[in-house]
Amino acid sequence: MNNITIRVAKQEDCARLLELINELALYEKAPEEVTVTLAEFIDAGFGAAPVWKAFVAEDEQQIIGFALYYTRYSTWKGCRLYLEDFLVTEQYRGKGVGKILFETVMREAQEKNYNGMTWQVLDWNEPAINFYNKYAAQIETGWLNASFSKEQISK
C-alpha cells in the first residue's frame, strides 16, 4: 500500500479509465451497455463544458482504480456529489485502495460543502454493499431506475 497514490484524473488517463469502465461493466454483467467512445468520454471530461471529474488510484504509475463523479442537484436536498462509477481492479481489491479512494471522494463532497453524496449499488453486489455498510451508508429500496436511449429521445 505504500506505493498507492490518489490524484485527480487527467485527459491522458481517459483510455485507461475507459478500460476500467469496461471491466466494471463486465463485472456488473452488462458489457454491451458501454457505448461511449473514447472521443466522447474525453470531451465530456475535458472538453469545452466538462460534466465529470474523477480521482484515480495508481500503483507505480499504473491506474488501478478510479472514482468518477459529478454534481447533482436535488430539489429536496440541494447540491450533492453523485458518484457515477467506483472501481478498484480485481487484483487490488481487499487491500485498502477502495477505502482511500472512497474517502477521497467523501472529502471532495465535504470541501465543496455539498449537502451529501449519492450513488447506486446493484442489489446482488454483496461485496460493495458490505463496503458501503462499513460507512453506515443509507441503502434505499423502492426506487426504480428509468432511462431513455439516444434513439428513444430522437423519436
N, C-alpha and C. Protein backbone atom coordinates (compact mmCIF):
# COMPACT_ATOMS: atom_id res chain seq x y z
N MET A 1 0.81 -1.20 0.00
CA MET A 1 0.00 0.00 0.00
C MET A 1 0.85 1.27 0.00
N ASN A 2 2.12 1.16 0.28
CA ASN A 2 2.96 2.35 0.35
C ASN A 2 3.13 3.03 -0.99
N ASN A 3 2.97 2.28 -2.09
CA ASN A 3 3.17 2.87 -3.42
C ASN A 3 1.90 3.43 -4.03
N ILE A 4 0.76 3.29 -3.36
CA ILE A 4 -0.51 3.74 -3.91
C ILE A 4 -0.62 5.25 -3.75
N THR A 5 -0.96 5.91 -4.85
CA THR A 5 -1.21 7.35 -4.80
C THR A 5 -2.60 7.61 -5.38
N ILE A 6 -3.22 8.66 -4.88
CA ILE A 6 -4.52 9.11 -5.37
C ILE A 6 -4.30 10.50 -5.94
N ARG A 7 -4.83 10.73 -7.13
CA ARG A 7 -4.70 12.04 -7.75
C ARG A 7 -5.93 12.31 -8.62
N VAL A 8 -6.06 13.55 -9.03
CA VAL A 8 -7.12 13.95 -9.95
C VAL A 8 -6.81 13.37 -11.33
N ALA A 9 -7.83 12.88 -12.00
CA ALA A 9 -7.65 12.32 -13.35
C ALA A 9 -7.27 13.42 -14.33
N LYS A 10 -6.45 13.03 -15.31
CA LYS A 10 -6.03 13.92 -16.39
C LYS A 10 -6.54 13.36 -17.71
N GLN A 11 -6.56 14.19 -18.72
CA GLN A 11 -7.06 13.77 -20.03
C GLN A 11 -6.33 12.54 -20.55
N GLU A 12 -5.05 12.47 -20.33
CA GLU A 12 -4.29 11.33 -20.84
C GLU A 12 -4.62 10.02 -20.12
N ASP A 13 -5.41 10.09 -19.04
CA ASP A 13 -5.85 8.89 -18.33
C ASP A 13 -7.09 8.25 -18.96
N CYS A 14 -7.74 8.95 -19.87
CA CYS A 14 -9.06 8.53 -20.34
C CYS A 14 -9.08 7.15 -20.99
N ALA A 15 -8.08 6.79 -21.75
CA ALA A 15 -8.08 5.46 -22.38
C ALA A 15 -8.05 4.38 -21.30
N ARG A 16 -7.24 4.55 -20.27
CA ARG A 16 -7.18 3.56 -19.19
C ARG A 16 -8.49 3.57 -18.40
N LEU A 17 -9.06 4.74 -18.16
CA LEU A 17 -10.33 4.81 -17.44
C LEU A 17 -11.42 4.06 -18.21
N LEU A 18 -11.43 4.21 -19.52
CA LEU A 18 -12.42 3.50 -20.32
C LEU A 18 -12.21 1.98 -20.24
N GLU A 19 -10.97 1.54 -20.17
CA GLU A 19 -10.70 0.11 -19.95
C GLU A 19 -11.30 -0.35 -18.62
N LEU A 20 -11.13 0.46 -17.58
CA LEU A 20 -11.67 0.10 -16.27
C LEU A 20 -13.19 0.17 -16.26
N ILE A 21 -13.75 1.10 -17.00
CA ILE A 21 -15.21 1.18 -17.12
C ILE A 21 -15.74 -0.09 -17.77
N ASN A 22 -15.04 -0.58 -18.77
CA ASN A 22 -15.44 -1.84 -19.41
C ASN A 22 -15.28 -3.02 -18.45
N GLU A 23 -14.24 -2.98 -17.61
CA GLU A 23 -14.07 -4.02 -16.58
C GLU A 23 -15.24 -4.00 -15.61
N LEU A 24 -15.66 -2.80 -15.21
CA LEU A 24 -16.80 -2.66 -14.31
C LEU A 24 -18.07 -3.17 -14.97
N ALA A 25 -18.29 -2.84 -16.22
CA ALA A 25 -19.48 -3.30 -16.94
C ALA A 25 -19.51 -4.82 -17.04
N LEU A 26 -18.36 -5.43 -17.25
CA LEU A 26 -18.28 -6.89 -17.30
C LEU A 26 -18.63 -7.48 -15.93
N TYR A 27 -18.10 -6.90 -14.87
CA TYR A 27 -18.41 -7.35 -13.51
C TYR A 27 -19.90 -7.21 -13.22
N GLU A 28 -20.50 -6.13 -13.73
CA GLU A 28 -21.93 -5.88 -13.50
C GLU A 28 -22.82 -6.61 -14.50
N LYS A 29 -22.21 -7.49 -15.29
CA LYS A 29 -22.92 -8.36 -16.24
C LYS A 29 -23.64 -7.57 -17.33
N ALA A 30 -23.03 -6.48 -17.77
CA ALA A 30 -23.63 -5.64 -18.81
C ALA A 30 -22.57 -5.05 -19.73
N PRO A 31 -21.63 -5.86 -20.25
CA PRO A 31 -20.55 -5.28 -21.06
C PRO A 31 -21.05 -4.60 -22.33
N GLU A 32 -22.17 -5.03 -22.86
CA GLU A 32 -22.71 -4.44 -24.08
C GLU A 32 -23.29 -3.04 -23.86
N GLU A 33 -23.46 -2.66 -22.61
CA GLU A 33 -24.06 -1.36 -22.30
C GLU A 33 -23.09 -0.19 -22.45
N VAL A 34 -21.79 -0.46 -22.48
CA VAL A 34 -20.81 0.62 -22.64
C VAL A 34 -20.74 0.98 -24.13
N THR A 35 -21.31 2.13 -24.46
CA THR A 35 -21.35 2.56 -25.87
C THR A 35 -20.61 3.87 -26.10
N VAL A 36 -20.17 4.51 -25.05
CA VAL A 36 -19.45 5.78 -25.19
C VAL A 36 -18.12 5.54 -25.91
N THR A 37 -17.77 6.44 -26.80
CA THR A 37 -16.47 6.35 -27.48
C THR A 37 -15.43 7.07 -26.64
N LEU A 38 -14.17 6.79 -26.92
CA LEU A 38 -13.09 7.47 -26.22
C LEU A 38 -13.18 8.97 -26.46
N ALA A 39 -13.47 9.38 -27.69
CA ALA A 39 -13.57 10.81 -28.01
C ALA A 39 -14.70 11.47 -27.22
N GLU A 40 -15.85 10.81 -27.12
CA GLU A 40 -16.97 11.35 -26.34
C GLU A 40 -16.61 11.45 -24.86
N PHE A 41 -15.94 10.42 -24.37
CA PHE A 41 -15.54 10.38 -22.97
C PHE A 41 -14.57 11.52 -22.64
N ILE A 42 -13.59 11.70 -23.50
CA ILE A 42 -12.62 12.78 -23.31
C ILE A 42 -13.31 14.13 -23.34
N ASP A 43 -14.18 14.34 -24.32
CA ASP A 43 -14.88 15.61 -24.44
C ASP A 43 -15.74 15.89 -23.21
N ALA A 44 -16.41 14.87 -22.70
CA ALA A 44 -17.29 15.05 -21.55
C ALA A 44 -16.51 15.39 -20.27
N GLY A 45 -15.25 14.99 -20.22
CA GLY A 45 -14.45 15.28 -19.03
C GLY A 45 -13.50 16.44 -19.18
N PHE A 46 -13.08 16.71 -20.41
CA PHE A 46 -12.02 17.71 -20.61
C PHE A 46 -12.29 18.67 -21.76
N GLY A 47 -13.47 18.62 -22.35
CA GLY A 47 -13.83 19.49 -23.45
C GLY A 47 -14.24 20.88 -22.98
N ALA A 48 -14.99 21.57 -23.83
CA ALA A 48 -15.40 22.95 -23.55
C ALA A 48 -16.34 23.05 -22.35
N ALA A 49 -17.13 22.03 -22.11
CA ALA A 49 -18.09 22.05 -20.99
C ALA A 49 -18.03 20.72 -20.23
N PRO A 50 -16.98 20.50 -19.45
CA PRO A 50 -16.82 19.21 -18.75
C PRO A 50 -17.98 18.94 -17.80
N VAL A 51 -18.41 17.68 -17.77
CA VAL A 51 -19.52 17.30 -16.88
C VAL A 51 -19.09 16.31 -15.81
N TRP A 52 -17.91 15.75 -15.91
CA TRP A 52 -17.46 14.81 -14.88
C TRP A 52 -16.04 15.12 -14.44
N LYS A 53 -15.74 14.64 -13.25
CA LYS A 53 -14.39 14.69 -12.69
C LYS A 53 -14.11 13.31 -12.12
N ALA A 54 -12.85 13.03 -11.88
CA ALA A 54 -12.52 11.72 -11.32
C ALA A 54 -11.22 11.79 -10.53
N PHE A 55 -11.11 10.87 -9.61
CA PHE A 55 -9.86 10.59 -8.93
C PHE A 55 -9.40 9.23 -9.41
N VAL A 56 -8.10 9.06 -9.51
CA VAL A 56 -7.54 7.77 -9.88
C VAL A 56 -6.60 7.29 -8.77
N ALA A 57 -6.53 5.98 -8.65
CA ALA A 57 -5.58 5.34 -7.73
C ALA A 57 -4.50 4.72 -8.61
N GLU A 58 -3.26 4.97 -8.27
CA GLU A 58 -2.13 4.45 -9.04
C GLU A 58 -1.20 3.63 -8.16
N ASP A 59 -0.65 2.62 -8.77
CA ASP A 59 0.43 1.85 -8.17
C ASP A 59 1.57 1.88 -9.18
N GLU A 60 2.63 2.56 -8.82
CA GLU A 60 3.79 2.71 -9.71
C GLU A 60 3.38 3.16 -11.11
N GLN A 61 2.59 4.23 -11.16
CA GLN A 61 2.14 4.90 -12.38
C GLN A 61 1.18 4.08 -13.23
N GLN A 62 0.64 3.00 -12.69
CA GLN A 62 -0.40 2.22 -13.36
C GLN A 62 -1.72 2.51 -12.65
N ILE A 63 -2.73 2.98 -13.39
CA ILE A 63 -4.03 3.26 -12.79
C ILE A 63 -4.71 1.93 -12.46
N ILE A 64 -5.04 1.76 -11.19
CA ILE A 64 -5.62 0.51 -10.71
C ILE A 64 -7.04 0.69 -10.18
N GLY A 65 -7.51 1.93 -10.18
CA GLY A 65 -8.86 2.21 -9.71
C GLY A 65 -9.22 3.64 -10.00
N PHE A 66 -10.52 3.91 -9.91
CA PHE A 66 -10.98 5.28 -10.14
C PHE A 66 -12.33 5.50 -9.48
N ALA A 67 -12.64 6.76 -9.27
CA ALA A 67 -13.95 7.18 -8.78
C ALA A 67 -14.34 8.38 -9.63
N LEU A 68 -15.38 8.21 -10.44
CA LEU A 68 -15.84 9.26 -11.35
C LEU A 68 -17.14 9.84 -10.79
N TYR A 69 -17.22 11.17 -10.73
CA TYR A 69 -18.37 11.82 -10.10
C TYR A 69 -18.73 13.11 -10.82
N TYR A 70 -19.89 13.63 -10.45
CA TYR A 70 -20.33 14.92 -10.95
C TYR A 70 -21.27 15.55 -9.92
N THR A 71 -21.61 16.81 -10.13
CA THR A 71 -22.53 17.49 -9.24
C THR A 71 -23.96 17.18 -9.68
N ARG A 72 -24.76 16.78 -8.73
CA ARG A 72 -26.17 16.50 -8.95
C ARG A 72 -26.95 17.50 -8.12
N TYR A 73 -28.05 17.98 -8.68
CA TYR A 73 -28.88 18.89 -7.91
C TYR A 73 -30.19 18.21 -7.54
N SER A 74 -30.49 18.16 -6.28
CA SER A 74 -31.73 17.61 -5.77
C SER A 74 -32.62 18.76 -5.32
N THR A 75 -33.85 18.79 -5.82
CA THR A 75 -34.77 19.85 -5.39
C THR A 75 -35.11 19.71 -3.91
N TRP A 76 -34.90 18.53 -3.35
CA TRP A 76 -35.17 18.32 -1.93
C TRP A 76 -33.95 18.60 -1.07
N LYS A 77 -32.75 18.34 -1.59
CA LYS A 77 -31.55 18.39 -0.76
C LYS A 77 -30.53 19.45 -1.19
N GLY A 78 -30.61 19.94 -2.43
CA GLY A 78 -29.61 20.88 -2.92
C GLY A 78 -28.49 20.16 -3.64
N CYS A 79 -27.31 20.77 -3.70
CA CYS A 79 -26.17 20.18 -4.42
C CYS A 79 -25.64 18.97 -3.67
N ARG A 80 -25.45 17.91 -4.43
CA ARG A 80 -24.92 16.67 -3.89
C ARG A 80 -23.89 16.12 -4.87
N LEU A 81 -22.92 15.43 -4.36
CA LEU A 81 -21.95 14.76 -5.22
C LEU A 81 -22.58 13.43 -5.64
N TYR A 82 -22.58 13.15 -6.94
CA TYR A 82 -23.08 11.87 -7.43
C TYR A 82 -21.89 11.05 -7.89
N LEU A 83 -21.66 9.94 -7.23
CA LEU A 83 -20.59 9.01 -7.57
C LEU A 83 -21.11 8.07 -8.65
N GLU A 84 -20.72 8.31 -9.87
CA GLU A 84 -21.22 7.53 -11.01
C GLU A 84 -20.59 6.16 -11.09
N ASP A 85 -19.28 6.10 -11.01
CA ASP A 85 -18.58 4.82 -11.07
C ASP A 85 -17.43 4.82 -10.07
N PHE A 86 -17.24 3.66 -9.46
CA PHE A 86 -16.21 3.48 -8.44
C PHE A 86 -15.70 2.06 -8.61
N LEU A 87 -14.43 1.92 -8.95
CA LEU A 87 -13.88 0.59 -9.21
C LEU A 87 -12.42 0.53 -8.78
N VAL A 88 -12.08 -0.58 -8.16
CA VAL A 88 -10.68 -0.96 -7.96
C VAL A 88 -10.52 -2.26 -8.71
N THR A 89 -9.51 -2.34 -9.56
CA THR A 89 -9.32 -3.53 -10.37
C THR A 89 -9.13 -4.75 -9.47
N GLU A 90 -9.55 -5.90 -9.96
CA GLU A 90 -9.70 -7.10 -9.14
C GLU A 90 -8.49 -7.46 -8.29
N GLN A 91 -7.29 -7.41 -8.85
CA GLN A 91 -6.12 -7.85 -8.10
C GLN A 91 -5.77 -6.92 -6.94
N TYR A 92 -6.36 -5.73 -6.88
CA TYR A 92 -6.07 -4.78 -5.80
C TYR A 92 -7.22 -4.69 -4.78
N ARG A 93 -8.29 -5.44 -5.00
CA ARG A 93 -9.41 -5.39 -4.06
C ARG A 93 -9.01 -6.03 -2.74
N GLY A 94 -9.59 -5.49 -1.67
CA GLY A 94 -9.31 -6.02 -0.34
C GLY A 94 -8.00 -5.56 0.26
N LYS A 95 -7.35 -4.59 -0.37
CA LYS A 95 -6.05 -4.11 0.11
C LYS A 95 -6.10 -2.67 0.62
N GLY A 96 -7.31 -2.12 0.73
CA GLY A 96 -7.45 -0.76 1.26
C GLY A 96 -7.46 0.34 0.22
N VAL A 97 -7.29 -0.01 -1.04
CA VAL A 97 -7.28 1.01 -2.11
C VAL A 97 -8.65 1.66 -2.21
N GLY A 98 -9.70 0.85 -2.19
CA GLY A 98 -11.06 1.38 -2.29
C GLY A 98 -11.38 2.33 -1.15
N LYS A 99 -10.92 2.00 0.04
CA LYS A 99 -11.14 2.86 1.21
C LYS A 99 -10.52 4.23 0.99
N ILE A 100 -9.29 4.25 0.54
CA ILE A 100 -8.59 5.52 0.32
C ILE A 100 -9.29 6.32 -0.77
N LEU A 101 -9.66 5.67 -1.84
CA LEU A 101 -10.31 6.32 -2.97
C LEU A 101 -11.68 6.86 -2.56
N PHE A 102 -12.48 6.04 -1.89
CA PHE A 102 -13.82 6.43 -1.47
C PHE A 102 -13.75 7.60 -0.49
N GLU A 103 -12.83 7.55 0.45
CA GLU A 103 -12.71 8.64 1.42
C GLU A 103 -12.21 9.92 0.77
N THR A 104 -11.46 9.81 -0.32
CA THR A 104 -11.05 11.00 -1.08
C THR A 104 -12.29 11.66 -1.69
N VAL A 105 -13.19 10.86 -2.22
CA VAL A 105 -14.43 11.40 -2.80
C VAL A 105 -15.28 12.03 -1.69
N MET A 106 -15.35 11.39 -0.54
CA MET A 106 -16.11 11.95 0.58
C MET A 106 -15.54 13.32 0.99
N ARG A 107 -14.22 13.42 1.03
CA ARG A 107 -13.58 14.71 1.36
C ARG A 107 -13.91 15.77 0.32
N GLU A 108 -13.95 15.35 -0.95
CA GLU A 108 -14.30 16.29 -2.02
C GLU A 108 -15.70 16.86 -1.79
N ALA A 109 -16.65 16.01 -1.44
CA ALA A 109 -18.02 16.46 -1.16
C ALA A 109 -18.03 17.42 0.04
N GLN A 110 -17.24 17.09 1.03
CA GLN A 110 -17.16 17.94 2.22
C GLN A 110 -16.52 19.29 1.88
N GLU A 111 -15.42 19.27 1.15
CA GLU A 111 -14.73 20.52 0.79
C GLU A 111 -15.58 21.41 -0.09
N LYS A 112 -16.41 20.84 -0.92
CA LYS A 112 -17.30 21.63 -1.78
C LYS A 112 -18.59 22.02 -1.07
N ASN A 113 -18.70 21.61 0.20
CA ASN A 113 -19.85 21.91 1.03
C ASN A 113 -21.16 21.40 0.43
N TYR A 114 -21.09 20.25 -0.23
CA TYR A 114 -22.29 19.62 -0.77
C TYR A 114 -23.17 19.15 0.39
N ASN A 115 -24.44 18.98 0.11
CA ASN A 115 -25.40 18.54 1.11
C ASN A 115 -25.48 17.02 1.21
N GLY A 116 -24.54 16.35 0.60
CA GLY A 116 -24.49 14.90 0.68
C GLY A 116 -23.85 14.28 -0.54
N MET A 117 -23.90 12.98 -0.56
CA MET A 117 -23.27 12.19 -1.62
C MET A 117 -24.22 11.04 -1.95
N THR A 118 -24.38 10.75 -3.23
CA THR A 118 -25.32 9.74 -3.68
C THR A 118 -24.64 8.82 -4.68
N TRP A 119 -25.06 7.55 -4.70
CA TRP A 119 -24.58 6.60 -5.70
C TRP A 119 -25.55 5.44 -5.75
N GLN A 120 -25.33 4.53 -6.66
CA GLN A 120 -26.14 3.34 -6.78
C GLN A 120 -25.27 2.11 -6.58
N VAL A 121 -25.91 1.05 -6.12
CA VAL A 121 -25.23 -0.23 -5.98
C VAL A 121 -26.24 -1.31 -6.37
N LEU A 122 -25.80 -2.27 -7.13
CA LEU A 122 -26.68 -3.36 -7.53
C LEU A 122 -27.04 -4.21 -6.32
N ASP A 123 -28.29 -4.65 -6.25
CA ASP A 123 -28.75 -5.37 -5.07
C ASP A 123 -28.06 -6.71 -4.86
N TRP A 124 -27.43 -7.26 -5.89
CA TRP A 124 -26.72 -8.54 -5.75
C TRP A 124 -25.22 -8.36 -5.45
N ASN A 125 -24.75 -7.13 -5.46
CA ASN A 125 -23.32 -6.87 -5.28
C ASN A 125 -22.97 -6.81 -3.79
N GLU A 126 -22.95 -7.97 -3.15
CA GLU A 126 -22.71 -8.03 -1.71
C GLU A 126 -21.38 -7.44 -1.27
N PRO A 127 -20.27 -7.67 -2.01
CA PRO A 127 -19.01 -7.04 -1.56
C PRO A 127 -19.12 -5.51 -1.50
N ALA A 128 -19.77 -4.91 -2.49
CA ALA A 128 -19.93 -3.45 -2.48
C ALA A 128 -20.87 -3.01 -1.35
N ILE A 129 -21.98 -3.72 -1.19
CA ILE A 129 -22.92 -3.37 -0.12
C ILE A 129 -22.23 -3.47 1.24
N ASN A 130 -21.46 -4.53 1.45
CA ASN A 130 -20.72 -4.67 2.71
C ASN A 130 -19.73 -3.53 2.91
N PHE A 131 -19.07 -3.11 1.82
CA PHE A 131 -18.12 -1.99 1.89
C PHE A 131 -18.86 -0.72 2.32
N TYR A 132 -19.99 -0.41 1.67
CA TYR A 132 -20.74 0.80 1.99
C TYR A 132 -21.33 0.74 3.40
N ASN A 133 -21.70 -0.44 3.84
CA ASN A 133 -22.26 -0.58 5.19
C ASN A 133 -21.23 -0.24 6.27
N LYS A 134 -19.94 -0.41 5.96
CA LYS A 134 -18.89 -0.02 6.92
C LYS A 134 -18.93 1.48 7.19
N TYR A 135 -19.48 2.23 6.26
CA TYR A 135 -19.61 3.68 6.40
C TYR A 135 -21.01 4.08 6.89
N ALA A 136 -21.83 3.10 7.22
CA ALA A 136 -23.21 3.32 7.65
C ALA A 136 -24.01 4.05 6.58
N ALA A 137 -23.76 3.69 5.32
CA ALA A 137 -24.49 4.30 4.20
C ALA A 137 -25.96 3.91 4.27
N GLN A 138 -26.82 4.81 3.85
CA GLN A 138 -28.24 4.51 3.74
C GLN A 138 -28.48 3.92 2.35
N ILE A 139 -28.81 2.66 2.30
CA ILE A 139 -29.09 2.00 1.03
C ILE A 139 -30.60 1.88 0.92
N GLU A 140 -31.15 2.63 -0.03
CA GLU A 140 -32.60 2.74 -0.17
C GLU A 140 -33.19 1.60 -0.99
N THR A 141 -34.45 1.37 -0.76
CA THR A 141 -35.22 0.45 -1.59
C THR A 141 -36.43 1.24 -2.11
N GLY A 142 -37.09 0.68 -3.09
CA GLY A 142 -38.33 1.28 -3.55
C GLY A 142 -38.22 2.17 -4.77
N TRP A 143 -37.02 2.58 -5.15
CA TRP A 143 -36.85 3.41 -6.33
C TRP A 143 -36.44 2.53 -7.50
N LEU A 144 -37.03 2.76 -8.63
CA LEU A 144 -36.66 2.05 -9.85
C LEU A 144 -35.98 3.02 -10.80
N ASN A 145 -34.93 2.58 -11.46
CA ASN A 145 -34.25 3.42 -12.43
C ASN A 145 -35.05 3.48 -13.72
N ALA A 146 -35.10 4.64 -14.33
CA ALA A 146 -35.77 4.81 -15.62
C ALA A 146 -34.82 5.57 -16.54
N SER A 147 -34.86 5.27 -17.83
CA SER A 147 -33.97 5.96 -18.76
C SER A 147 -34.51 5.87 -20.18
N PHE A 148 -33.98 6.71 -21.03
CA PHE A 148 -34.20 6.67 -22.48
C PHE A 148 -32.84 6.55 -23.15
N SER A 149 -32.76 5.85 -24.24
CA SER A 149 -31.56 5.84 -25.06
C SER A 149 -31.60 7.08 -25.97
N LYS A 150 -30.50 7.35 -26.61
CA LYS A 150 -30.42 8.46 -27.56
C LYS A 150 -31.46 8.28 -28.66
N GLU A 151 -31.62 7.04 -29.13
CA GLU A 151 -32.58 6.76 -30.19
C GLU A 151 -34.02 7.00 -29.72
N GLN A 152 -34.32 6.63 -28.50
CA GLN A 152 -35.67 6.86 -27.97
C GLN A 152 -35.97 8.34 -27.85
N ILE A 153 -35.01 9.13 -27.44
CA ILE A 153 -35.21 10.56 -27.32
C ILE A 153 -35.47 11.18 -28.69
N SER A 154 -34.85 10.63 -29.73
CA SER A 154 -34.99 11.16 -31.09
C SER A 154 -36.36 10.88 -31.70
N LYS A 155 -37.09 9.91 -31.16
CA LYS A 155 -38.39 9.55 -31.75
C LYS A 155 -39.47 10.54 -31.41
